C-alpha atoms as a PDB file:
ATOM      1  CA  UNK A   1     -19.764 -18.346  -6.689  1.00  0.00           C
ATOM      2  CA  UNK A   2     -19.629 -17.352  -3.489  1.00  0.00           C
ATOM      3  CA  UNK A   3     -22.745 -16.297  -1.703  1.00  0.00           C
ATOM      4  CA  UNK A   4     -22.689 -12.340  -1.581  1.00  0.00           C
ATOM      5  CA  UNK A   5     -21.640 -11.296   2.293  1.00  0.00           C
ATOM      6  CA  UNK A   6     -23.419  -8.582   3.788  1.00  0.00           C
ATOM      7  CA  UNK A   7     -22.273  -6.139   6.725  1.00  0.00           C
ATOM      8  CA  UNK A   8     -24.804  -4.196   8.875  1.00  0.00           C
ATOM      9  CA  UNK A   9     -23.480  -0.945   6.875  1.00  0.00           C
ATOM     10  CA  UNK A  10     -25.382  -3.051   3.853  1.00  0.00           C
ATOM     11  CA  UNK A  11     -22.014  -3.336   1.944  1.00  0.00           C
ATOM     12  CA  UNK A  12     -21.835  -6.120  -1.110  1.00  0.00           C
ATOM     13  CA  UNK A  13     -19.077  -8.091  -2.067  1.00  0.00           C
ATOM     14  CA  UNK A  14     -18.644 -11.148  -4.628  1.00  0.00           C
ATOM     15  CA  UNK A  15     -16.408 -13.207  -5.968  1.00  0.00           C
ATOM     16  CA  UNK A  16     -16.365 -15.911  -8.364  1.00  0.00           C
ATOM     17  CA  UNK A  17     -15.168 -19.752  -7.238  1.00  0.00           C
ATOM     18  CA  UNK A  18     -15.638 -23.381  -6.976  1.00  0.00           C
ATOM     19  CA  UNK A  19     -16.900 -26.019  -9.527  1.00  0.00           C
ATOM     20  CA  UNK A  20     -20.247 -25.945  -9.068  1.00  0.00           C
ATOM     21  CA  UNK A  21     -20.285 -21.782  -9.880  1.00  0.00           C
ATOM     22  CA  UNK A  22     -18.525 -22.395 -13.199  1.00  0.00           C
ATOM     23  CA  UNK A  23     -21.241 -24.946 -14.612  1.00  0.00           C
ATOM     24  CA  UNK A  24     -23.997 -22.076 -13.731  1.00  0.00           C
ATOM     25  CA  UNK A  25     -25.591 -20.242 -16.118  1.00  0.00           C
ATOM     26  CA  UNK A  26     -26.118 -16.097 -15.809  1.00  0.00           C
ATOM     27  CA  UNK A  27     -29.611 -16.011 -15.343  1.00  0.00           C
ATOM     28  CA  UNK A  28     -29.220 -18.641 -12.844  1.00  0.00           C
ATOM     29  CA  UNK A  29     -26.876 -16.436 -10.723  1.00  0.00           C
ATOM     30  CA  UNK A  30     -29.129 -13.626 -11.204  1.00  0.00           C
ATOM     31  CA  UNK A  31     -32.243 -15.373 -10.022  1.00  0.00           C
ATOM     32  CA  UNK A  32     -29.917 -17.048  -6.917  1.00  0.00           C
ATOM     33  CA  UNK A  33     -29.077 -14.005  -5.740  1.00  0.00           C
ATOM     34  CA  UNK A  34     -32.179 -12.305  -5.908  1.00  0.00           C
ATOM     35  CA  UNK A  35     -33.736 -14.629  -4.335  1.00  0.00           C
ATOM     36  CA  UNK A  36     -31.738 -14.265  -1.078  1.00  0.00           C
ATOM     37  CA  UNK A  37     -32.301 -10.238  -0.938  1.00  0.00           C
ATOM     38  CA  UNK A  38     -36.055  -8.789   0.613  1.00  0.00           C
ATOM     39  CA  UNK A  39     -35.871  -6.609  -1.731  1.00  0.00           C
ATOM     40  CA  UNK A  40     -34.042  -6.991  -4.930  1.00  0.00           C
ATOM     41  CA  UNK A  41     -33.181  -4.549  -7.684  1.00  0.00           C
ATOM     42  CA  UNK A  42     -34.845  -6.477 -11.157  1.00  0.00           C
ATOM     43  CA  UNK A  43     -32.172  -8.237 -12.324  1.00  0.00           C
ATOM     44  CA  UNK A  44     -33.475  -8.443 -16.062  1.00  0.00           C
ATOM     45  CA  UNK A  45     -32.939  -4.695 -16.440  1.00  0.00           C
ATOM     46  CA  UNK A  46     -30.064  -4.512 -14.701  1.00  0.00           C
ATOM     47  CA  UNK A  47     -28.538  -7.352 -16.698  1.00  0.00           C
ATOM     48  CA  UNK A  48     -29.500  -5.309 -20.188  1.00  0.00           C
ATOM     49  CA  UNK A  49     -27.266  -2.821 -18.712  1.00  0.00           C
ATOM     50  CA  UNK A  50     -24.164  -4.220 -17.672  1.00  0.00           C
ATOM     51  CA  UNK A  51     -24.648  -5.938 -20.936  1.00  0.00           C
ATOM     52  CA  UNK A  52     -25.386  -9.572 -20.299  1.00  0.00           C
ATOM     53  CA  UNK A  53     -29.041  -9.848 -21.830  1.00  0.00           C
ATOM     54  CA  UNK A  54     -27.491 -11.715 -24.572  1.00  0.00           C
ATOM     55  CA  UNK A  55     -25.390 -14.118 -22.281  1.00  0.00           C
ATOM     56  CA  UNK A  56     -28.263 -15.488 -19.919  1.00  0.00           C
ATOM     57  CA  UNK A  57     -28.299 -18.983 -20.730  1.00  0.00           C
ATOM     58  CA  UNK A  58     -24.155 -19.179 -20.799  1.00  0.00           C
ATOM     59  CA  UNK A  59     -22.320 -21.144 -17.856  1.00  0.00           C
ATOM     60  CA  UNK A  60     -20.036 -19.040 -15.831  1.00  0.00           C
ATOM     61  CA  UNK A  61     -17.312 -20.729 -17.444  1.00  0.00           C
ATOM     62  CA  UNK A  62     -17.734 -20.017 -20.828  1.00  0.00           C
ATOM     63  CA  UNK A  63     -18.052 -16.167 -20.402  1.00  0.00           C
ATOM     64  CA  UNK A  64     -15.045 -13.887 -20.992  1.00  0.00           C
ATOM     65  CA  UNK A  65     -12.691 -12.310 -18.829  1.00  0.00           C
ATOM     66  CA  UNK A  66     -15.025  -9.212 -18.931  1.00  0.00           C
ATOM     67  CA  UNK A  67     -17.979 -10.481 -18.687  1.00  0.00           C
ATOM     68  CA  UNK A  68     -17.265 -12.757 -15.527  1.00  0.00           C
ATOM     69  CA  UNK A  69     -16.489  -9.265 -13.973  1.00  0.00           C
ATOM     70  CA  UNK A  70     -20.178  -7.685 -16.023  1.00  0.00           C
ATOM     71  CA  UNK A  71     -21.865 -10.355 -13.816  1.00  0.00           C
ATOM     72  CA  UNK A  72     -19.804  -9.930 -10.438  1.00  0.00           C
ATOM     73  CA  UNK A  73     -20.987  -6.241 -10.761  1.00  0.00           C
ATOM     74  CA  UNK A  74     -24.859  -7.549 -11.603  1.00  0.00           C
ATOM     75  CA  UNK A  75     -24.616  -9.835  -8.574  1.00  0.00           C
ATOM     76  CA  UNK A  76     -23.080  -7.303  -5.899  1.00  0.00           C
ATOM     77  CA  UNK A  77     -25.581  -4.276  -7.354  1.00  0.00           C
ATOM     78  CA  UNK A  78     -29.069  -6.620  -6.933  1.00  0.00           C
ATOM     79  CA  UNK A  79     -29.289  -6.019  -3.308  1.00  0.00           C
ATOM     80  CA  UNK A  80     -29.770  -2.170  -3.775  1.00  0.00           C
ATOM     81  CA  UNK A  81     -26.051  -1.569  -1.633  1.00  0.00           C
ATOM     82  CA  UNK A  82     -24.907   1.450  -0.372  1.00  0.00           C
ATOM     83  CA  UNK A  83     -21.358  -0.116  -0.423  1.00  0.00           C
ATOM     84  CA  UNK A  84     -19.912  -2.434  -2.881  1.00  0.00           C
ATOM     85  CA  UNK A  85     -15.996  -3.903  -2.584  1.00  0.00           C
ATOM     86  CA  UNK A  86     -14.246  -4.181  -5.799  1.00  0.00           C
ATOM     87  CA  UNK A  87     -11.851  -6.862  -5.439  1.00  0.00           C
ATOM     88  CA  UNK A  88      -8.845  -6.890  -8.652  1.00  0.00           C
ATOM     89  CA  UNK A  89     -11.710  -6.557 -10.986  1.00  0.00           C
ATOM     90  CA  UNK A  90      -9.423  -6.186 -14.151  1.00  0.00           C
ATOM     91  CA  UNK A  91      -6.791  -8.607 -13.502  1.00  0.00           C
ATOM     92  CA  UNK A  92      -5.582 -10.798 -16.350  1.00  0.00           C
ATOM     93  CA  UNK A  93      -8.290  -8.608 -19.034  1.00  0.00           C
ATOM     94  CA  UNK A  94      -6.873  -7.468 -22.239  1.00  0.00           C
ATOM     95  CA  UNK A  95      -6.972  -3.491 -22.273  1.00  0.00           C
ATOM     96  CA  UNK A  96     -10.100  -3.219 -24.526  1.00  0.00           C
ATOM     97  CA  UNK A  97     -12.120  -5.545 -21.489  1.00  0.00           C
ATOM     98  CA  UNK A  98     -10.903  -3.512 -18.810  1.00  0.00           C
ATOM     99  CA  UNK A  99     -11.538  -0.074 -20.077  1.00  0.00           C
ATOM    100  CA  UNK A 100     -15.072  -1.712 -20.282  1.00  0.00           C
ATOM    101  CA  UNK A 101     -14.912  -2.491 -16.786  1.00  0.00           C
ATOM    102  CA  UNK A 102     -13.722   1.126 -15.771  1.00  0.00           C
ATOM    103  CA  UNK A 103     -17.035   2.282 -17.554  1.00  0.00           C
ATOM    104  CA  UNK A 104     -19.159   0.043 -15.336  1.00  0.00           C
ATOM    105  CA  UNK A 105     -17.604   1.296 -12.217  1.00  0.00           C
ATOM    106  CA  UNK A 106     -17.838   4.359 -12.976  1.00  0.00           C
ATOM    107  CA  UNK A 107     -21.500   3.722 -13.771  1.00  0.00           C
ATOM    108  CA  UNK A 108     -22.112   2.196 -10.224  1.00  0.00           C
ATOM    109  CA  UNK A 109     -20.656   5.293  -8.665  1.00  0.00           C
ATOM    110  CA  UNK A 110     -22.856   7.696 -10.613  1.00  0.00           C
ATOM    111  CA  UNK A 111     -25.837   5.412  -9.514  1.00  0.00           C
ATOM    112  CA  UNK A 112     -24.932   6.705  -5.791  1.00  0.00           C
ATOM    113  CA  UNK A 113     -23.152   3.786  -4.560  1.00  0.00           C
ATOM    114  CA  UNK A 114     -20.101   3.712  -2.694  1.00  0.00           C
ATOM    115  CA  UNK A 115     -17.162   1.801  -4.306  1.00  0.00           C
ATOM    116  CA  UNK A 116     -14.462   0.629  -2.206  1.00  0.00           C
ATOM    117  CA  UNK A 117     -12.056  -0.483  -5.428  1.00  0.00           C
ATOM    118  CA  UNK A 118      -8.889  -2.816  -4.308  1.00  0.00           C
ATOM    119  CA  UNK A 119      -6.509  -2.993  -7.377  1.00  0.00           C
ATOM    120  CA  UNK A 120      -2.215  -3.120  -7.460  1.00  0.00           C
ATOM    121  CA  UNK A 121      -2.941  -1.358 -10.403  1.00  0.00           C
ATOM    122  CA  UNK A 122      -2.120   2.684 -10.496  1.00  0.00           C
ATOM    123  CA  UNK A 123      -3.362   3.761 -13.464  1.00  0.00           C
ATOM    124  CA  UNK A 124      -6.500   1.756 -12.121  1.00  0.00           C
ATOM    125  CA  UNK A 125      -6.629   3.975  -8.743  1.00  0.00           C
ATOM    126  CA  UNK A 126      -5.537   7.011 -10.574  1.00  0.00           C
ATOM    127  CA  UNK A 127      -8.743   6.685 -13.108  1.00  0.00           C
ATOM    128  CA  UNK A 128     -11.311   5.630 -10.943  1.00  0.00           C
ATOM    129  CA  UNK A 129     -10.447   6.691  -7.774  1.00  0.00           C
ATOM    130  CA  UNK A 130     -11.597  10.118  -5.661  1.00  0.00           C
ATOM    131  CA  UNK A 131      -9.188   9.099  -3.050  1.00  0.00           C
ATOM    132  CA  UNK A 132      -6.459   6.519  -2.339  1.00  0.00           C
ATOM    133  CA  UNK A 133      -5.537   5.210   0.103  1.00  0.00           C
ATOM    134  CA  UNK A 134      -1.649   3.000   0.211  1.00  0.00           C
ATOM    135  CA  UNK A 135      -1.652   0.445   1.677  1.00  0.00           C
ATOM    136  CA  UNK A 136       2.116  -1.661   2.487  1.00  0.00           C
ATOM    137  CA  UNK A 137       3.071  -4.223   4.831  1.00  0.00           C
ATOM    138  CA  UNK A 138      -0.505  -4.024   6.851  1.00  0.00           C
ATOM    139  CA  UNK A 139      -0.649  -0.624   6.741  1.00  0.00           C
ATOM    140  CA  UNK A 140      -2.272   2.674   5.389  1.00  0.00           C
ATOM    141  CA  UNK A 141       0.883   4.538   4.315  1.00  0.00           C
ATOM    142  CA  UNK A 142      -1.021   7.662   3.158  1.00  0.00           C
ATOM    143  CA  UNK A 143      -4.651   8.459   2.803  1.00  0.00           C
ATOM    144  CA  UNK A 144      -5.272  11.788   0.003  1.00  0.00           C
ATOM    145  CA  UNK A 145      -6.455  12.245  -3.601  1.00  0.00           C
ATOM    146  CA  UNK A 146      -4.315  10.899  -6.643  1.00  0.00           C
ATOM    147  CA  UNK A 147      -3.304  14.562  -7.181  1.00  0.00           C
ATOM    148  CA  UNK A 148      -2.131  14.736  -3.646  1.00  0.00           C
ATOM    149  CA  UNK A 149      -0.361  11.700  -3.457  1.00  0.00           C
ATOM    150  CA  UNK A 150       1.526  12.396  -6.776  1.00  0.00           C
ATOM    151  CA  UNK A 151       2.110  16.074  -5.793  1.00  0.00           C
ATOM    152  CA  UNK A 152       3.571  14.569  -2.396  1.00  0.00           C
ATOM    153  CA  UNK A 153       6.568  12.348  -4.226  1.00  0.00           C
ATOM    154  CA  UNK A 154       9.978  13.185  -4.997  1.00  0.00           C
ATOM    155  CA  UNK A 155       8.959  13.348  -8.416  1.00  0.00           C
ATOM    156  CA  UNK A 156       5.977  15.468  -8.629  1.00  0.00           C
ATOM    157  CA  UNK A 157       7.029  16.737 -12.198  1.00  0.00           C
ATOM    158  CA  UNK A 158       8.834  15.142 -15.004  1.00  0.00           C
ATOM    159  CA  UNK A 159      11.069  17.497 -17.771  1.00  0.00           C
ATOM    160  CA  UNK A 160      12.231  15.591 -20.223  1.00  0.00           C
ATOM    161  CA  UNK A 161      14.407  16.982 -23.728  1.00  0.00           C
ATOM    162  CA  UNK A 162      16.854  16.178 -26.250  1.00  0.00           C
ATOM    163  CA  UNK A 163      20.003  17.428 -26.628  1.00  0.00           C
ATOM    164  CA  UNK A 164      23.324  16.959 -29.047  1.00  0.00           C
ATOM    165  CA  UNK A 165      25.377  18.429 -26.995  1.00  0.00           C
ATOM    166  CA  UNK A 166      27.098  17.244 -23.554  1.00  0.00           C
ATOM    167  CA  UNK A 167      25.220  18.638 -20.641  1.00  0.00           C
ATOM    168  CA  UNK A 168      26.525  19.032 -16.857  1.00  0.00           C
ATOM    169  CA  UNK A 169      24.227  16.773 -15.181  1.00  0.00           C
ATOM    170  CA  UNK A 170      25.750  17.559 -11.440  1.00  0.00           C
ATOM    171  CA  UNK A 171      24.849  21.092 -11.961  1.00  0.00           C
ATOM    172  CA  UNK A 172      21.177  19.949 -12.827  1.00  0.00           C
ATOM    173  CA  UNK A 173      20.790  17.597  -9.863  1.00  0.00           C
ATOM    174  CA  UNK A 174      22.370  20.088  -7.409  1.00  0.00           C
ATOM    175  CA  UNK A 175      18.973  22.583  -8.295  1.00  0.00           C
ATOM    176  CA  UNK A 176      16.627  23.222  -5.769  1.00  0.00           C
ATOM    177  CA  UNK A 177      13.923  20.795  -5.844  1.00  0.00           C
ATOM    178  CA  UNK A 178      15.359  18.227  -8.213  1.00  0.00           C
ATOM    179  CA  UNK A 179      15.761  14.708  -6.909  1.00  0.00           C
ATOM    180  CA  UNK A 180      17.225  12.644  -9.986  1.00  0.00           C
ATOM    181  CA  UNK A 181      18.622  13.764 -13.473  1.00  0.00           C
ATOM    182  CA  UNK A 182      20.000  11.319 -16.313  1.00  0.00           C
ATOM    183  CA  UNK A 183      20.996  10.949 -19.635  1.00  0.00           C
ATOM    184  CA  UNK A 184      19.820   8.092 -22.377  1.00  0.00           C
ATOM    185  CA  UNK A 185      20.658   7.970 -26.019  1.00  0.00           C
ATOM    186  CA  UNK A 186      20.300  12.058 -26.378  1.00  0.00           C
ATOM    187  CA  UNK A 187      17.203  12.101 -23.748  1.00  0.00           C
ATOM    188  CA  UNK A 188      18.013  14.030 -20.227  1.00  0.00           C
ATOM    189  CA  UNK A 189      15.361  13.460 -17.772  1.00  0.00           C
ATOM    190  CA  UNK A 190      15.247  15.699 -14.526  1.00  0.00           C
ATOM    191  CA  UNK A 191      12.582  14.686 -11.685  1.00  0.00           C
ATOM    192  CA  UNK A 192      12.044  16.826  -8.872  1.00  0.00           C
ATOM    193  CA  UNK A 193       9.131  18.972  -7.154  1.00  0.00           C
ATOM    194  CA  UNK A 194       6.163  20.938  -8.942  1.00  0.00           C
ATOM    195  CA  UNK A 195       7.517  24.217 -10.832  1.00  0.00           C
ATOM    196  CA  UNK A 196      11.591  23.135 -11.068  1.00  0.00           C
ATOM    197  CA  UNK A 197      11.224  22.861 -15.005  1.00  0.00           C
ATOM    198  CA  UNK A 198      11.808  26.468 -14.926  1.00  0.00           C
ATOM    199  CA  UNK A 199      14.773  26.143 -13.223  1.00  0.00           C
ATOM    200  CA  UNK A 200      15.984  23.274 -15.633  1.00  0.00           C
ATOM    201  CA  UNK A 201      15.598  25.687 -18.433  1.00  0.00           C
ATOM    202  CA  UNK A 202      17.391  28.354 -16.702  1.00  0.00           C
ATOM    203  CA  UNK A 203      20.293  26.430 -15.748  1.00  0.00           C
ATOM    204  CA  UNK A 204      20.397  25.328 -19.324  1.00  0.00           C
ATOM    205  CA  UNK A 205      20.589  28.651 -20.807  1.00  0.00           C
ATOM    206  CA  UNK A 206      23.620  29.295 -18.759  1.00  0.00           C
ATOM    207  CA  UNK A 207      25.400  26.597 -20.237  1.00  0.00           C
ATOM    208  CA  UNK A 208      24.366  27.531 -23.717  1.00  0.00           C
ATOM    209  CA  UNK A 209      22.254  24.763 -24.123  1.00  0.00           C
ATOM    210  CA  UNK A 210      18.687  25.098 -26.232  1.00  0.00           C
ATOM    211  CA  UNK A 211      16.828  22.079 -25.240  1.00  0.00           C
ATOM    212  CA  UNK A 212      14.976  20.701 -27.998  1.00  0.00           C
ATOM    213  CA  UNK A 213      11.077  18.757 -27.710  1.00  0.00           C
ATOM    214  CA  UNK A 214      10.994  20.073 -24.232  1.00  0.00           C
ATOM    215  CA  UNK A 215       8.355  18.464 -22.588  1.00  0.00           C
ATOM    216  CA  UNK A 216       6.779  18.946 -18.617  1.00  0.00           C
ATOM    217  CA  UNK A 217       4.063  16.348 -17.314  1.00  0.00           C
ATOM    218  CA  UNK A 218       3.238  15.482 -13.693  1.00  0.00           C
ATOM    219  CA  UNK A 219       4.855  12.674 -11.574  1.00  0.00           C
ATOM    220  CA  UNK A 220       2.890   9.379 -11.586  1.00  0.00           C
ATOM    221  CA  UNK A 221       1.161   7.461  -9.128  1.00  0.00           C
ATOM    222  CA  UNK A 222       3.280   4.595  -9.360  1.00  0.00           C
ATOM    223  CA  UNK A 223       6.258   7.110  -7.821  1.00  0.00           C
ATOM    224  CA  UNK A 224       4.338   8.393  -4.868  1.00  0.00           C
ATOM    225  CA  UNK A 225       4.054   4.436  -4.592  1.00  0.00           C
ATOM    226  CA  UNK A 226       7.508   4.055  -4.482  1.00  0.00           C
ATOM    227  CA  UNK A 227       8.182   6.520  -2.244  1.00  0.00           C
ATOM    228  CA  UNK A 228       5.754   5.699  -0.105  1.00  0.00           C
ATOM    229  CA  UNK A 229       6.425   2.261   0.417  1.00  0.00           C
ATOM    230  CA  UNK A 230      10.307   2.659   0.481  1.00  0.00           C
ATOM    231  CA  UNK A 231      12.148  -0.135   2.062  1.00  0.00           C
ATOM    232  CA  UNK A 232      15.197   0.451   1.860  1.00  0.00           C
ATOM    233  CA  UNK A 233      17.781  -0.121   5.275  1.00  0.00           C
ATOM    234  CA  UNK A 234      17.563   3.542   6.125  1.00  0.00           C
ATOM    235  CA  UNK A 235      13.895   3.678   5.751  1.00  0.00           C
ATOM    236  CA  UNK A 236      13.558   1.081   8.166  1.00  0.00           C
ATOM    237  CA  UNK A 237      15.741   2.579  10.737  1.00  0.00           C
ATOM    238  CA  UNK A 238      13.596   5.680  10.834  1.00  0.00           C
ATOM    239  CA  UNK A 239      10.914   3.690  11.113  1.00  0.00           C
ATOM    240  CA  UNK A 240      12.295   1.762  14.062  1.00  0.00           C
ATOM    241  CA  UNK A 241      13.003   5.252  15.841  1.00  0.00           C
ATOM    242  CA  UNK A 242       9.133   6.205  16.110  1.00  0.00           C
END
């Protein structure tokens, strides 16, 4: 494992790596990190709280992916930081291990520690973060709450319904606020601004169509990301003019 790096602001970041790190045991790693901090948090109760009490004699290389991430979090917390940077914590983990790591991140946040989470998972960001910065090509494209980013997307609302009769998709696409409308295997999906579902239902009524299994859902952070990182030629041209 790399040695923890500290900034003047009291931030900690840890990352596993190196052949020697693979052979170190959990207890040895915790003792080493404790030794290099002037006022470390007692590592034994920290290990218990993070579910590592039964793994103290295991080598890092023999830990599961979730256990390795638990150890990384423990090492980040030993120095009593005000800020921790957690980088791609759940990459390669199965769904159960990923949820367990998410719970640990929440616990860290609830301790009053500021968490800077680096992730490519929109689900993870939406689940854990109070504010999200969308970074693309080295630039911050947007900084807002998860809800704020979703509301700003072209598909802030997704309306789906089923129908056994033909409908006029072109008429739906022309509705104010609608950004896309498509039909596949009897299921129609309409994307658009918040509140567009009411306009869709009214348009269907004028067509004499009674929608079945009508569902209205909030848009996704994935859609917001795609909007904000659009690299179409038209977008590139607009960027060049700024």
